[in-house]
Amino acid sequence: MKAAELFVQVADVPLAAAAVQFAQAGVPVFPCVPGGKRPLVEHGFHDASSDPAQVGAWWRRWPAANIGVPTGRASGFVVVDVDVHGPVDGRAGFVRATAAGLTGGWKILVRTPTGGMHAYYPAMPGTEQRSWQAGRAGVDFRGDGGYIIVPPSARTIEGTTALYRVEEVGTGHARTLDAARLRDFLDPRPEPRPRPDTWQPVGRDDAVRLARWLGRQDTDRNLKLFWASCRLAEGGVPLDDALDAVLAAAKSDFGPREIAATIRSAYRTVLPESARRESPPRRGESPAERWFGHHAHATRSSPRGREL
């Protein structure tokens, strides 16, 4: 049985009978609280079943339960949920999207108890379309990972009970919905603003500028040090210069050993071993003396603060 015919057929039958009819038609369902949308089964829509015996058992236990249906590949349809509440009226966004050619091809329109609308579309074969919300536009998308309450369920809001009702059945050819395009249309992401470069490596002097810049950072310094060291490596600054400059400017809580390890890690990430240009240590010189100098002794004798 086609979904549109099924929705019309169950419109005026008891909830328990409607739930079994959905299951018999291969549409998985699960019970939700009477008059509401919260699932009554432990795992929510993940427990949805198209086994008439299981569905019958649920509704014998909760005869007034609303009918929930998982959207997306599980049921074979997705839903554009148009909300109307307070100052937000999603109908305007839906009309604009329709004029732009993005929401045509629906098969069923269901009026919701709050005065909104559910527009049903066939799920896109072989493609996962995740649920999303465009709150400012008053339009949500119920796809994979979501669920919907279907007729003849009802909502009780401020003491008043109203039904989910089939408003219209599409007469044309049902079409799949490009949910990603619809979201971008209703809730466009702002264009990324170019971030002003406070430091760009162009030569050896930039290792010193890096050290000064890092000294002004209060949070996430380890991450910033790694990022900045990668920029130094990309700009051709020798590893020696990067290490010497940053370690010379290190604060007592900056962690010289951690600094050296982070800078070397960045250079290994960006450059092949032959291009790192780290000078060999002088005979008799320990790594601590080479890279930490007097800071190695100062660090051992001073209290250790937070790391980068």
Protein backbone atom coordinates (compact mmCIF):
# COMPACT_ATOMS: atom_id res chain seq x y z
CA MET A 1 0.00 0.00 0.00
CA LYS A 2 1.28 3.48 -0.83
CA ALA A 3 2.09 5.77 2.08
CA ALA A 4 -0.45 8.42 1.06
CA GLU A 5 -3.27 5.88 0.89
CA LEU A 6 -2.21 4.45 4.23
CA PHE A 7 -2.28 7.86 5.93
CA VAL A 8 -5.77 8.54 4.59
CA GLN A 9 -7.01 5.09 5.60
CA VAL A 10 -5.89 5.37 9.23
CA ALA A 11 -7.12 8.94 9.70
CA ASP A 12 -10.27 8.05 11.63
CA VAL A 13 -9.45 4.69 13.24
CA PRO A 14 -8.37 4.09 16.86
CA LEU A 15 -4.69 4.54 17.57
CA ALA A 16 -4.08 0.86 18.33
CA ALA A 17 -5.62 -0.24 15.02
CA ALA A 18 -3.74 2.48 13.11
CA ALA A 19 -0.42 1.41 14.63
CA VAL A 20 -0.98 -2.21 13.54
CA GLN A 21 -1.93 -1.08 10.03
CA PHE A 22 1.30 0.89 9.73
CA ALA A 23 3.24 -2.20 10.82
CA GLN A 24 1.36 -4.45 8.39
CA ALA A 25 2.29 -2.04 5.59
CA GLY A 26 5.97 -2.36 6.55
CA VAL A 27 6.27 1.00 8.32
CA PRO A 28 8.08 0.64 11.68
CA VAL A 29 6.33 2.33 14.59
CA PHE A 30 6.82 2.79 18.34
CA PRO A 31 4.56 4.14 21.11
CA CYS A 32 4.84 7.67 22.53
CA VAL A 33 3.13 9.17 25.56
CA PRO A 34 -0.59 9.89 25.04
CA GLY A 35 -1.01 13.48 23.96
CA GLY A 36 2.75 13.99 23.63
CA LYS A 37 5.90 13.10 21.74
CA ARG A 38 8.13 11.38 24.30
CA PRO A 39 8.80 7.69 23.50
CA LEU A 40 7.44 5.08 25.91
CA VAL A 41 9.96 2.40 24.92
CA GLU A 42 13.47 2.36 26.35
CA HIS A 43 15.45 3.14 23.20
CA GLY A 44 12.96 5.44 21.51
CA PHE A 45 12.79 5.27 17.73
CA HIS A 46 15.60 2.69 17.74
CA ASP A 47 13.02 0.21 19.11
CA ALA A 48 10.55 0.86 16.27
CA SER A 49 9.08 -2.33 14.83
CA SER A 50 7.03 -3.40 11.84
CA ASP A 51 6.13 -6.70 13.50
CA PRO A 52 2.32 -6.57 13.96
CA ALA A 53 2.55 -8.85 17.00
CA GLN A 54 5.03 -6.59 18.78
CA VAL A 55 3.11 -3.46 17.82
CA GLY A 56 -0.17 -5.00 19.00
CA ALA A 57 1.43 -5.84 22.36
CA TRP A 58 2.63 -2.29 22.82
CA TRP A 59 -0.76 -0.76 22.13
CA ARG A 60 -2.56 -3.26 24.34
CA ARG A 61 -0.33 -1.97 27.11
CA TRP A 62 -0.73 1.70 26.11
CA PRO A 63 -3.97 1.92 24.05
CA ALA A 64 -3.92 5.74 23.95
CA ALA A 65 -0.25 6.01 22.93
CA ASN A 66 0.63 8.28 20.07
CA ILE A 67 2.31 6.71 17.04
CA GLY A 68 5.94 7.53 16.40
CA VAL A 69 7.69 6.63 13.14
CA PRO A 70 11.47 6.89 12.53
CA THR A 71 12.24 9.01 9.50
CA GLY A 72 14.82 8.40 6.79
CA ARG A 73 15.83 5.02 5.48
CA ALA A 74 14.03 3.17 8.28
CA SER A 75 10.57 4.21 7.08
CA GLY A 76 11.30 5.30 3.52
CA PHE A 77 10.20 8.92 3.98
CA VAL A 78 11.58 12.20 5.31
CA VAL A 79 9.63 15.15 6.65
CA VAL A 80 9.94 18.93 6.54
CA ASP A 81 8.52 20.12 9.86
CA VAL A 82 7.12 23.65 9.61
CA ASP A 83 6.67 25.17 13.07
CA VAL A 84 4.35 27.96 14.13
CA HIS A 85 5.00 29.20 17.64
CA GLY A 86 5.40 32.65 19.15
CA PRO A 87 7.09 35.09 16.78
CA VAL A 88 8.44 32.28 14.58
CA ASP A 89 6.28 31.25 11.63
CA GLY A 90 7.98 28.64 9.48
CA ARG A 91 5.31 28.87 6.81
CA ALA A 92 6.98 31.96 5.35
CA GLY A 93 10.27 30.09 4.96
CA PHE A 94 8.54 27.11 3.40
CA VAL A 95 6.78 29.36 0.87
CA ARG A 96 10.08 31.03 -0.05
CA ALA A 97 11.75 27.64 -0.43
CA THR A 98 8.90 26.43 -2.62
CA ALA A 99 9.22 29.51 -4.84
CA ALA A 100 12.93 28.70 -5.15
CA GLY A 101 12.09 25.19 -6.34
CA LEU A 102 13.42 23.43 -3.22
CA THR A 103 10.32 21.93 -1.57
CA GLY A 104 8.15 20.74 -4.44
CA GLY A 105 7.29 17.10 -4.89
CA TRP A 106 5.80 16.41 -1.44
CA LYS A 107 3.35 13.53 -1.25
CA ILE A 108 1.43 14.29 1.93
CA LEU A 109 0.76 17.46 3.93
CA VAL A 110 -0.25 16.93 7.54
CA ARG A 111 -1.58 19.74 9.73
CA THR A 112 -0.04 19.60 13.19
CA PRO A 113 -1.86 20.39 16.46
CA THR A 114 0.11 23.65 16.89
CA GLY A 115 -0.97 25.00 13.50
CA GLY A 116 2.19 23.96 11.71
CA MET A 117 2.67 21.46 8.93
CA HIS A 118 4.53 18.25 8.10
CA ALA A 119 5.44 17.78 4.43
CA TYR A 120 6.34 14.17 3.56
CA TYR A 121 8.82 13.22 0.83
CA PRO A 122 10.29 9.89 -0.26
CA ALA A 123 13.71 9.22 1.30
CA MET A 124 16.64 9.53 -1.08
CA PRO A 125 17.72 5.97 -1.99
CA GLY A 126 21.20 4.99 -0.88
CA THR A 127 21.85 8.36 0.76
CA GLU A 128 21.82 9.26 4.44
CA GLN A 129 20.18 12.61 5.12
CA ARG A 130 20.63 13.54 8.75
CA SER A 131 18.02 15.47 10.70
CA TRP A 132 18.64 19.17 11.32
CA GLN A 133 16.98 22.28 12.70
CA ALA A 134 16.83 25.79 11.28
CA GLY A 135 15.34 27.43 14.34
CA ARG A 136 15.40 31.01 13.10
CA ALA A 137 13.45 29.99 10.01
CA GLY A 138 11.00 27.85 12.00
CA VAL A 139 11.70 24.80 9.83
CA ASP A 140 13.17 21.45 10.90
CA PHE A 141 14.12 18.45 8.81
CA ARG A 142 13.34 14.96 10.05
CA GLY A 143 15.55 12.44 8.31
CA ASP A 144 17.95 9.76 9.46
CA GLY A 145 18.36 9.94 13.21
CA GLY A 146 14.93 11.49 13.78
CA TYR A 147 11.28 10.58 14.10
CA ILE A 148 7.84 12.07 13.61
CA ILE A 149 4.41 11.71 15.21
CA VAL A 150 1.87 10.58 12.61
CA PRO A 151 -1.94 10.69 12.28
CA PRO A 152 -4.26 9.87 13.94
CA SER A 153 -2.14 10.84 16.96
CA ALA A 154 -3.06 13.89 19.04
CA ARG A 155 -1.34 16.52 21.19
CA THR A 156 -2.67 18.01 24.39
CA ILE A 157 -1.47 21.59 24.79
CA GLU A 158 -2.63 23.76 27.69
CA GLY A 159 -5.60 21.48 28.26
CA THR A 160 -6.70 21.44 24.63
CA THR A 161 -6.38 18.30 22.51
CA ALA A 162 -5.90 18.53 18.74
CA LEU A 163 -5.21 15.87 16.11
CA TYR A 164 -2.54 15.42 13.48
CA ARG A 165 -4.66 15.47 10.32
CA VAL A 166 -3.94 14.77 6.66
CA GLU A 167 -4.52 18.11 4.98
CA GLU A 168 -3.70 17.25 1.38
CA VAL A 169 -2.35 14.39 -0.73
CA GLY A 170 -0.12 15.34 -3.63
CA THR A 171 -1.44 14.48 -7.07
CA GLY A 172 1.83 14.91 -8.95
CA HIS A 173 4.95 12.79 -9.00
CA ALA A 174 6.59 12.62 -5.58
CA ARG A 175 10.21 13.78 -5.61
CA THR A 176 13.08 13.36 -3.22
CA LEU A 177 14.20 16.41 -1.26
CA ASP A 178 17.71 17.88 -1.28
CA ALA A 179 17.86 18.53 2.45
CA ALA A 180 21.34 20.11 2.37
CA ARG A 181 20.31 22.71 -0.22
CA LEU A 182 17.17 23.48 1.74
CA ARG A 183 19.14 24.05 4.93
CA ASP A 184 21.62 26.34 3.18
CA PHE A 185 18.70 28.31 1.74
CA LEU A 186 16.82 28.69 5.04
CA ASP A 187 19.81 29.14 7.31
CA PRO A 188 22.78 30.21 5.18
CA ARG A 189 26.15 29.93 6.85
CA PRO A 190 28.01 33.24 7.08
CA GLU A 191 30.92 33.67 4.73
CA PRO A 192 34.16 33.07 6.61
CA ARG A 193 35.80 36.38 7.37
CA PRO A 194 39.49 36.56 6.58
CA ARG A 195 41.44 36.37 9.82
CA PRO A 196 44.00 39.14 10.07
CA ASP A 197 47.47 37.71 10.25
CA THR A 198 49.20 39.01 13.35
CA TRP A 199 52.29 37.09 12.29
CA GLN A 200 53.36 35.58 9.00
CA PRO A 201 56.70 33.81 8.59
CA VAL A 202 58.94 35.36 5.98
CA GLY A 203 62.39 34.77 7.42
CA ARG A 204 64.54 34.06 10.44
CA ASP A 205 63.42 37.13 12.39
CA ASP A 206 59.93 35.67 12.56
CA ALA A 207 61.06 33.11 15.12
CA VAL A 208 61.61 36.01 17.51
CA ARG A 209 58.26 37.56 16.60
CA LEU A 210 56.65 34.17 17.24
CA ALA A 211 58.12 34.06 20.73
CA ARG A 212 56.77 37.53 21.52
CA TRP A 213 53.34 36.66 20.11
CA LEU A 214 53.11 33.48 22.15
CA GLY A 215 54.01 35.42 25.28
CA ARG A 216 50.78 37.40 24.87
CA GLN A 217 48.58 34.29 24.68
CA ASP A 218 46.67 33.21 27.79
CA THR A 219 44.86 30.08 26.60
CA ASP A 220 45.52 27.09 24.35
CA ARG A 221 49.17 28.05 24.05
CA ASN A 222 50.30 24.54 23.20
CA LEU A 223 47.90 24.42 20.26
CA LYS A 224 48.92 27.90 19.16
CA LEU A 225 52.59 27.02 19.48
CA PHE A 226 52.10 23.96 17.25
CA TRP A 227 50.19 26.00 14.66
CA ALA A 228 52.74 28.80 14.66
CA SER A 229 55.67 26.37 14.47
CA CYS A 230 54.12 24.79 11.39
CA ARG A 231 53.96 28.24 9.84
CA LEU A 232 57.64 28.79 10.65
CA ALA A 233 58.53 25.48 9.06
CA GLU A 234 56.49 26.32 5.97
CA GLY A 235 58.25 29.69 5.77
CA GLY A 236 61.68 28.12 5.76
CA VAL A 237 62.76 29.20 9.25
CA PRO A 238 65.44 26.77 10.49
CA LEU A 239 64.49 24.61 13.44
CA ASP A 240 67.49 25.97 15.38
CA ASP A 241 66.15 29.52 15.13
CA ALA A 242 62.63 28.52 16.16
CA LEU A 243 63.86 26.65 19.21
CA ASP A 244 66.37 29.28 20.30
CA ALA A 245 63.96 32.19 19.97
CA VAL A 246 61.00 30.63 21.73
CA LEU A 247 63.03 29.06 24.53
CA ALA A 248 64.87 32.32 25.17
CA ALA A 249 61.53 34.07 25.70
CA ALA A 250 59.88 31.22 27.64
CA LYS A 251 57.99 32.11 30.78
CA SER A 252 58.54 30.09 33.94
CA ASP A 253 55.21 28.31 33.43
CA PHE A 254 55.71 27.74 29.69
CA GLY A 255 57.53 24.42 30.04
CA PRO A 256 60.81 24.39 28.04
CA ARG A 257 60.78 20.66 27.45
CA GLU A 258 57.19 20.79 26.25
CA ILE A 259 58.03 23.73 24.00
CA ALA A 260 60.91 21.90 22.35
CA ALA A 261 58.82 18.75 21.87
CA THR A 262 55.93 20.72 20.34
CA ILE A 263 58.16 22.67 17.94
CA ARG A 264 59.94 19.52 16.79
CA SER A 265 56.58 17.77 16.32
CA ALA A 266 55.40 20.63 14.10
CA TYR A 267 58.57 20.52 12.00
CA ARG A 268 58.26 16.75 11.61
CA THR A 269 54.68 17.26 10.45
CA VAL A 270 55.54 19.86 7.83
CA LEU A 271 59.04 18.96 6.65
CA PRO A 272 60.85 15.78 5.67
CA GLU A 273 63.73 14.87 7.95
CA SER A 274 66.36 16.13 5.52
CA ALA A 275 64.81 19.60 5.42
CA ARG A 276 64.57 20.35 9.14
CA ARG A 277 68.06 21.84 9.23
CA GLU A 278 68.74 21.24 12.91
CA SER A 279 72.45 21.64 13.66
CA PRO A 280 74.21 18.68 15.32
CA PRO A 281 74.96 19.17 19.02
CA ARG A 282 78.48 20.24 19.99
CA ARG A 283 80.68 17.55 21.51
CA GLY A 284 80.01 17.19 25.21
CA GLU A 285 76.86 19.30 25.07
CA SER A 286 73.71 17.72 26.47
CA PRO A 287 70.30 18.27 24.84
CA ALA A 288 69.22 20.30 27.87
CA GLU A 289 72.25 22.59 27.56
CA ARG A 290 71.75 22.91 23.83
CA TRP A 291 68.08 23.88 23.83
CA PHE A 292 67.32 25.01 27.37
CA GLY A 293 70.55 26.71 28.41
CA HIS A 294 70.08 28.47 31.71
CA HIS A 295 66.33 27.87 31.48
CA ALA A 296 66.90 24.17 32.18
CA HIS A 297 68.32 24.97 35.59
CA ALA A 298 65.78 27.70 36.26
CA THR A 299 62.92 25.35 35.46
CA ARG A 300 64.14 22.66 37.81
CA SER A 301 64.39 25.14 40.68
CA SER A 302 61.20 27.10 40.07
CA PRO A 303 57.62 25.95 40.77
CA ARG A 304 55.94 24.49 37.76
CA GLY A 305 52.80 26.25 36.62
CA ARG A 306 50.28 25.31 34.00
CA GLU A 307 51.50 23.94 30.68
CA LEU A 308 50.76 25.40 27.27
